[in-house]
Structures are given as C-alpha cells and as structure tokens.
C-alpha cells in the first residue's frame, strides 16, 4: 500500500497538475506503522522498488530534456515549465545518487561487521 505525497483527488489517488507533474508515492506499513507486523511476502521487493525508482528518475530526465528540446524548437512551451522540469530532473538524479551512496555505505558496514 502506498500513500501519495502531494495533492489528492477526491477518489484518494494522486492527480496530475496542468503541467503534467506527478506526485511521489511512498510505502506505508499496515499494522499501526510497524514494519515487523507486515508479512514479508506482501508488497514489492527491494529490487522492484529500486528499479521503479530508477525508471522514474529516467522518465523525469527524459521529460525535462523533451521540454527543453520543444522550447528550443520554438514550440509553445512556457519557460518556467522547462526550468521546473529541468530542476526536477536534477533533484531526482541527486536523490538517486544519495540513495546509491547510502546503499553502498550500508553494504560496506555489513561486510565490515562480518570480518
């Protein structure tokens, strides 16, 4: 189960703004928010979650590049929309890099604990 961050539609799902921006969803633990209360067979695996996150980063980057290309070609695209999409792509990449760094750090910590 996921809980959207950002504006909600009356039906409870995340909605898209006029510029095509989408909200981000984060996993929510059932059972009073306690991770131990969840059956591990439920929900996506780490690999699925990580793959989905990387795909979203790639889609965000592609969207920013597409808007910049359309703006440069003279299509009717607002400059602020291009700048916002480019900034969103940069932030998504920064977040992915930090996530990777934390995963590598955790892996190294586990390896050092075993030695």
N, C-alpha and C. Protein backbone atom coordinates (compact mmCIF):
# COMPACT_ATOMS: atom_id res chain seq x y z
N UNK A 1 0.86 -1.17 0.00
CA UNK A 1 0.00 0.00 0.00
C UNK A 1 0.89 1.22 0.00
N UNK A 2 0.53 2.25 -0.74
CA UNK A 2 1.32 3.47 -0.78
C UNK A 2 0.46 4.66 -0.44
N UNK A 3 1.10 5.69 0.10
CA UNK A 3 0.40 6.92 0.42
C UNK A 3 0.98 8.02 -0.45
N UNK A 4 0.16 8.72 -1.22
CA UNK A 4 0.69 9.77 -2.07
C UNK A 4 1.16 10.97 -1.27
N UNK A 5 2.18 11.61 -1.79
CA UNK A 5 2.64 12.88 -1.23
C UNK A 5 2.27 13.93 -2.26
N UNK A 6 1.55 14.90 -1.87
CA UNK A 6 1.13 15.93 -2.81
C UNK A 6 -0.37 16.01 -2.88
N UNK A 7 -0.89 16.69 -3.89
CA UNK A 7 -2.33 16.89 -3.98
C UNK A 7 -3.06 15.57 -4.21
N UNK A 8 -4.23 15.46 -3.62
CA UNK A 8 -5.05 14.26 -3.77
C UNK A 8 -6.33 14.58 -4.52
N UNK A 9 -6.74 13.64 -5.30
CA UNK A 9 -8.03 13.78 -5.96
C UNK A 9 -9.10 13.30 -4.99
N UNK A 10 -10.38 13.59 -5.24
CA UNK A 10 -11.43 13.12 -4.35
C UNK A 10 -11.47 11.61 -4.22
N UNK A 11 -10.97 10.88 -5.22
CA UNK A 11 -11.00 9.42 -5.16
C UNK A 11 -9.87 8.87 -4.31
N UNK A 12 -8.96 9.74 -3.84
CA UNK A 12 -7.88 9.28 -2.97
C UNK A 12 -6.59 9.01 -3.71
N UNK A 13 -6.55 9.10 -5.02
CA UNK A 13 -5.32 8.85 -5.77
C UNK A 13 -4.59 10.14 -6.07
N UNK A 14 -3.35 10.02 -6.46
CA UNK A 14 -2.57 11.21 -6.80
C UNK A 14 -3.08 11.75 -8.13
N UNK A 15 -3.11 13.07 -8.25
CA UNK A 15 -3.58 13.64 -9.51
C UNK A 15 -2.47 14.42 -10.18
N UNK A 16 -2.58 14.58 -11.48
CA UNK A 16 -1.60 15.32 -12.25
C UNK A 16 -2.04 16.77 -12.35
N UNK A 17 -1.05 17.66 -12.27
CA UNK A 17 -1.33 19.07 -12.44
C UNK A 17 -1.46 19.39 -13.91
N UNK A 18 -1.70 20.65 -14.22
CA UNK A 18 -1.86 21.07 -15.61
C UNK A 18 -0.57 20.91 -16.39
N UNK A 19 0.59 21.02 -15.72
CA UNK A 19 1.86 20.92 -16.43
C UNK A 19 2.35 19.47 -16.54
N UNK A 20 1.57 18.51 -16.07
CA UNK A 20 1.95 17.10 -16.19
C UNK A 20 2.77 16.60 -15.02
N UNK A 21 2.97 17.39 -13.99
CA UNK A 21 3.75 16.93 -12.84
C UNK A 21 2.99 15.84 -12.11
N UNK A 22 3.72 14.92 -11.52
CA UNK A 22 3.06 13.85 -10.79
C UNK A 22 3.56 13.84 -9.36
N UNK A 23 2.75 13.32 -8.46
CA UNK A 23 3.16 13.25 -7.07
C UNK A 23 3.95 11.97 -6.85
N UNK A 24 4.68 11.93 -5.76
CA UNK A 24 5.52 10.80 -5.42
C UNK A 24 4.79 9.96 -4.39
N UNK A 25 4.89 8.65 -4.49
CA UNK A 25 4.27 7.79 -3.50
C UNK A 25 5.35 7.09 -2.69
N UNK A 26 5.05 6.89 -1.42
CA UNK A 26 5.97 6.20 -0.52
C UNK A 26 5.24 5.04 0.12
N UNK A 27 5.95 3.94 0.45
CA UNK A 27 5.28 2.81 1.06
C UNK A 27 4.80 3.14 2.46
N UNK A 28 3.65 2.59 2.82
CA UNK A 28 3.08 2.75 4.16
C UNK A 28 2.93 1.36 4.74
N UNK A 29 3.39 1.18 5.97
CA UNK A 29 3.31 -0.12 6.61
C UNK A 29 1.96 -0.30 7.27
N UNK A 30 1.23 -1.39 6.92
CA UNK A 30 -0.01 -1.68 7.64
C UNK A 30 0.34 -2.18 9.04
N UNK A 31 -0.63 -2.30 9.90
CA UNK A 31 -0.38 -2.80 11.24
C UNK A 31 0.20 -1.71 12.14
N UNK A 32 -0.45 -0.54 12.18
CA UNK A 32 -0.03 0.57 13.03
C UNK A 32 1.35 1.09 12.68
N UNK A 33 1.79 0.96 11.43
CA UNK A 33 3.05 1.52 11.02
C UNK A 33 4.27 0.75 11.48
N UNK A 34 4.09 -0.46 11.99
CA UNK A 34 5.21 -1.25 12.48
C UNK A 34 5.67 -2.19 11.37
N UNK A 35 6.93 -2.03 10.89
CA UNK A 35 7.40 -2.90 9.81
C UNK A 35 7.36 -4.38 10.16
N UNK A 36 7.56 -4.75 11.43
CA UNK A 36 7.55 -6.16 11.83
C UNK A 36 6.18 -6.79 11.73
N UNK A 37 5.11 -5.98 11.69
CA UNK A 37 3.75 -6.50 11.64
C UNK A 37 3.34 -6.90 10.23
N UNK A 38 4.21 -6.69 9.26
CA UNK A 38 3.89 -6.95 7.87
C UNK A 38 4.45 -8.30 7.44
N UNK A 39 3.66 -9.06 6.72
CA UNK A 39 4.14 -10.32 6.15
C UNK A 39 5.14 -9.98 5.06
N UNK A 40 6.39 -10.51 5.13
CA UNK A 40 7.40 -10.15 4.14
C UNK A 40 7.04 -10.53 2.71
N UNK A 41 6.12 -11.47 2.54
CA UNK A 41 5.74 -11.87 1.18
C UNK A 41 4.82 -10.85 0.52
N UNK A 42 4.29 -9.90 1.31
CA UNK A 42 3.41 -8.87 0.76
C UNK A 42 4.24 -7.71 0.24
N UNK A 43 3.74 -7.07 -0.79
CA UNK A 43 4.37 -5.87 -1.29
C UNK A 43 5.56 -6.15 -2.20
N UNK A 44 6.10 -5.06 -2.77
CA UNK A 44 7.21 -5.21 -3.71
C UNK A 44 8.53 -5.51 -2.99
N UNK A 45 9.43 -6.15 -3.70
CA UNK A 45 10.76 -6.43 -3.16
C UNK A 45 11.62 -5.18 -3.28
N UNK A 46 12.78 -5.22 -2.64
CA UNK A 46 13.70 -4.08 -2.74
C UNK A 46 14.10 -3.86 -4.19
N UNK A 47 14.39 -4.94 -4.91
CA UNK A 47 14.81 -4.82 -6.31
C UNK A 47 13.72 -4.17 -7.16
N UNK A 48 12.46 -4.55 -6.93
CA UNK A 48 11.35 -3.95 -7.68
C UNK A 48 11.21 -2.47 -7.35
N UNK A 49 11.31 -2.15 -6.07
CA UNK A 49 11.19 -0.75 -5.65
C UNK A 49 12.33 0.08 -6.21
N UNK A 50 13.55 -0.46 -6.16
CA UNK A 50 14.71 0.26 -6.67
C UNK A 50 14.61 0.44 -8.19
N UNK A 51 14.19 -0.59 -8.90
CA UNK A 51 14.02 -0.49 -10.35
C UNK A 51 12.98 0.55 -10.72
N UNK A 52 11.86 0.55 -9.99
CA UNK A 52 10.81 1.53 -10.25
C UNK A 52 11.33 2.94 -10.01
N UNK A 53 12.09 3.13 -8.94
CA UNK A 53 12.63 4.46 -8.63
C UNK A 53 13.59 4.92 -9.72
N UNK A 54 14.44 4.02 -10.20
CA UNK A 54 15.39 4.39 -11.25
C UNK A 54 14.67 4.69 -12.56
N UNK A 55 13.59 3.95 -12.84
CA UNK A 55 12.79 4.23 -14.03
C UNK A 55 12.13 5.60 -13.93
N UNK A 56 11.66 5.97 -12.74
CA UNK A 56 11.04 7.28 -12.55
C UNK A 56 12.07 8.40 -12.72
N UNK A 57 13.30 8.17 -12.25
CA UNK A 57 14.37 9.16 -12.44
C UNK A 57 14.63 9.34 -13.94
N UNK A 58 14.69 8.23 -14.65
CA UNK A 58 14.93 8.28 -16.10
C UNK A 58 13.79 8.99 -16.83
N UNK A 59 12.55 8.70 -16.44
CA UNK A 59 11.40 9.36 -17.06
C UNK A 59 11.40 10.86 -16.78
N UNK A 60 11.78 11.24 -15.57
CA UNK A 60 11.83 12.65 -15.21
C UNK A 60 12.89 13.37 -16.04
N UNK A 61 14.05 12.73 -16.19
CA UNK A 61 15.13 13.30 -17.00
C UNK A 61 14.69 13.44 -18.46
N UNK A 62 14.05 12.40 -19.00
CA UNK A 62 13.57 12.43 -20.38
C UNK A 62 12.53 13.53 -20.59
N UNK A 63 11.64 13.70 -19.60
CA UNK A 63 10.61 14.74 -19.69
C UNK A 63 11.26 16.13 -19.73
N UNK A 64 12.25 16.36 -18.88
CA UNK A 64 12.95 17.65 -18.87
C UNK A 64 13.66 17.91 -20.19
N UNK A 65 14.32 16.88 -20.71
CA UNK A 65 15.03 17.03 -21.99
C UNK A 65 14.05 17.28 -23.13
N UNK A 66 12.90 16.59 -23.10
CA UNK A 66 11.91 16.78 -24.15
C UNK A 66 11.34 18.21 -24.13
N UNK A 67 11.03 18.70 -22.94
CA UNK A 67 10.51 20.07 -22.84
C UNK A 67 11.55 21.10 -23.30
N UNK A 68 12.81 20.88 -22.95
CA UNK A 68 13.87 21.79 -23.38
C UNK A 68 14.02 21.76 -24.91
N UNK A 69 13.94 20.57 -25.49
CA UNK A 69 14.04 20.45 -26.95
C UNK A 69 12.88 21.15 -27.63
N UNK A 70 11.66 20.96 -27.08
CA UNK A 70 10.49 21.60 -27.67
C UNK A 70 10.56 23.12 -27.55
N UNK A 71 11.07 23.60 -26.40
CA UNK A 71 11.21 25.05 -26.21
C UNK A 71 12.22 25.62 -27.20
N UNK A 72 13.35 24.92 -27.38
CA UNK A 72 14.39 25.37 -28.31
C UNK A 72 13.89 25.35 -29.76
N UNK A 73 12.97 24.45 -30.06
CA UNK A 73 12.43 24.35 -31.42
C UNK A 73 11.35 25.39 -31.69
N UNK A 74 10.98 26.16 -30.67
CA UNK A 74 10.00 27.21 -30.85
C UNK A 74 8.57 26.78 -30.62
N UNK A 75 8.37 25.60 -30.09
CA UNK A 75 7.01 25.15 -29.80
C UNK A 75 6.46 25.95 -28.62
N UNK A 76 5.14 26.02 -28.48
CA UNK A 76 4.55 26.82 -27.40
C UNK A 76 4.68 26.15 -26.03
N UNK A 77 5.86 26.27 -25.45
CA UNK A 77 6.15 25.71 -24.13
C UNK A 77 6.62 26.87 -23.26
N UNK A 78 6.04 26.99 -22.08
CA UNK A 78 6.41 28.07 -21.17
C UNK A 78 7.81 27.84 -20.61
N UNK A 79 8.58 28.91 -20.49
CA UNK A 79 9.95 28.82 -19.98
C UNK A 79 9.96 28.30 -18.55
N UNK A 80 9.01 28.75 -17.73
CA UNK A 80 9.01 28.30 -16.34
C UNK A 80 8.74 26.80 -16.23
N UNK A 81 7.97 26.25 -17.17
CA UNK A 81 7.72 24.81 -17.18
C UNK A 81 9.00 24.05 -17.51
N UNK A 82 9.76 24.57 -18.48
CA UNK A 82 11.03 23.95 -18.86
C UNK A 82 12.00 23.99 -17.69
N UNK A 83 12.10 25.14 -17.03
CA UNK A 83 13.03 25.29 -15.92
C UNK A 83 12.62 24.38 -14.75
N UNK A 84 11.33 24.30 -14.46
CA UNK A 84 10.86 23.45 -13.36
C UNK A 84 11.15 21.98 -13.66
N UNK A 85 10.91 21.55 -14.89
CA UNK A 85 11.17 20.16 -15.27
C UNK A 85 12.66 19.85 -15.21
N UNK A 86 13.48 20.79 -15.63
CA UNK A 86 14.93 20.58 -15.58
C UNK A 86 15.41 20.49 -14.13
N UNK A 87 14.88 21.34 -13.28
CA UNK A 87 15.26 21.31 -11.86
C UNK A 87 14.78 20.01 -11.20
N UNK A 88 13.57 19.59 -11.55
CA UNK A 88 13.05 18.33 -11.01
C UNK A 88 13.93 17.16 -11.42
N UNK A 89 14.39 17.16 -12.68
CA UNK A 89 15.26 16.09 -13.15
C UNK A 89 16.59 16.10 -12.40
N UNK A 90 17.13 17.29 -12.16
CA UNK A 90 18.38 17.40 -11.41
C UNK A 90 18.23 16.91 -9.98
N UNK A 91 17.12 17.28 -9.35
CA UNK A 91 16.88 16.84 -7.97
C UNK A 91 16.66 15.33 -7.90
N UNK A 92 15.97 14.78 -8.88
CA UNK A 92 15.74 13.33 -8.91
C UNK A 92 17.08 12.59 -9.06
N UNK A 93 17.96 13.12 -9.89
CA UNK A 93 19.27 12.50 -10.06
C UNK A 93 20.09 12.60 -8.78
N UNK A 94 20.07 13.77 -8.14
CA UNK A 94 20.78 13.94 -6.87
C UNK A 94 20.26 12.96 -5.82
N UNK A 95 18.95 12.79 -5.76
CA UNK A 95 18.36 11.84 -4.81
C UNK A 95 18.80 10.42 -5.12
N UNK A 96 18.83 10.05 -6.39
CA UNK A 96 19.26 8.70 -6.77
C UNK A 96 20.72 8.47 -6.40
N UNK A 97 21.55 9.47 -6.58
CA UNK A 97 22.97 9.34 -6.23
C UNK A 97 23.12 9.18 -4.72
N UNK A 98 22.39 9.96 -3.95
CA UNK A 98 22.46 9.84 -2.49
C UNK A 98 21.94 8.49 -2.02
N UNK A 99 20.88 8.01 -2.65
CA UNK A 99 20.35 6.69 -2.31
C UNK A 99 21.39 5.62 -2.59
N UNK A 100 22.03 5.70 -3.74
CA UNK A 100 23.09 4.75 -4.07
C UNK A 100 24.21 4.80 -3.05
N UNK A 101 24.62 6.01 -2.66
CA UNK A 101 25.69 6.15 -1.67
C UNK A 101 25.31 5.52 -0.34
N UNK A 102 24.07 5.70 0.09
CA UNK A 102 23.62 5.12 1.35
C UNK A 102 23.57 3.59 1.27
N UNK A 103 23.14 3.05 0.15
CA UNK A 103 23.09 1.60 -0.02
C UNK A 103 24.50 1.02 0.01
N UNK A 104 25.44 1.68 -0.68
CA UNK A 104 26.83 1.21 -0.68
C UNK A 104 27.42 1.31 0.72
N UNK A 105 27.13 2.40 1.42
CA UNK A 105 27.63 2.56 2.79
C UNK A 105 27.07 1.46 3.71
N UNK A 106 25.78 1.16 3.58
CA UNK A 106 25.18 0.10 4.39
C UNK A 106 25.80 -1.25 4.06
N UNK A 107 26.03 -1.51 2.78
CA UNK A 107 26.66 -2.76 2.37
C UNK A 107 28.06 -2.88 2.97
N UNK A 108 28.84 -1.82 2.89
CA UNK A 108 30.19 -1.85 3.45
C UNK A 108 30.16 -2.05 4.96
N UNK A 109 29.20 -1.44 5.63
CA UNK A 109 29.06 -1.62 7.07
C UNK A 109 28.77 -3.08 7.40
N UNK A 110 27.89 -3.71 6.64
CA UNK A 110 27.57 -5.13 6.87
C UNK A 110 28.78 -6.02 6.61
N UNK A 111 29.52 -5.73 5.57
CA UNK A 111 30.70 -6.52 5.25
C UNK A 111 31.74 -6.38 6.36
N UNK A 112 31.94 -5.17 6.86
CA UNK A 112 32.90 -4.95 7.94
C UNK A 112 32.47 -5.64 9.24
N UNK A 113 31.16 -5.74 9.47
CA UNK A 113 30.67 -6.42 10.67
C UNK A 113 30.95 -7.92 10.60
N UNK A 114 30.96 -8.49 9.41
CA UNK A 114 31.21 -9.92 9.24
C UNK A 114 32.68 -10.27 9.34
N UNK A 115 33.56 -9.31 9.14
CA UNK A 115 35.00 -9.59 9.16
C UNK A 115 35.54 -9.72 10.54
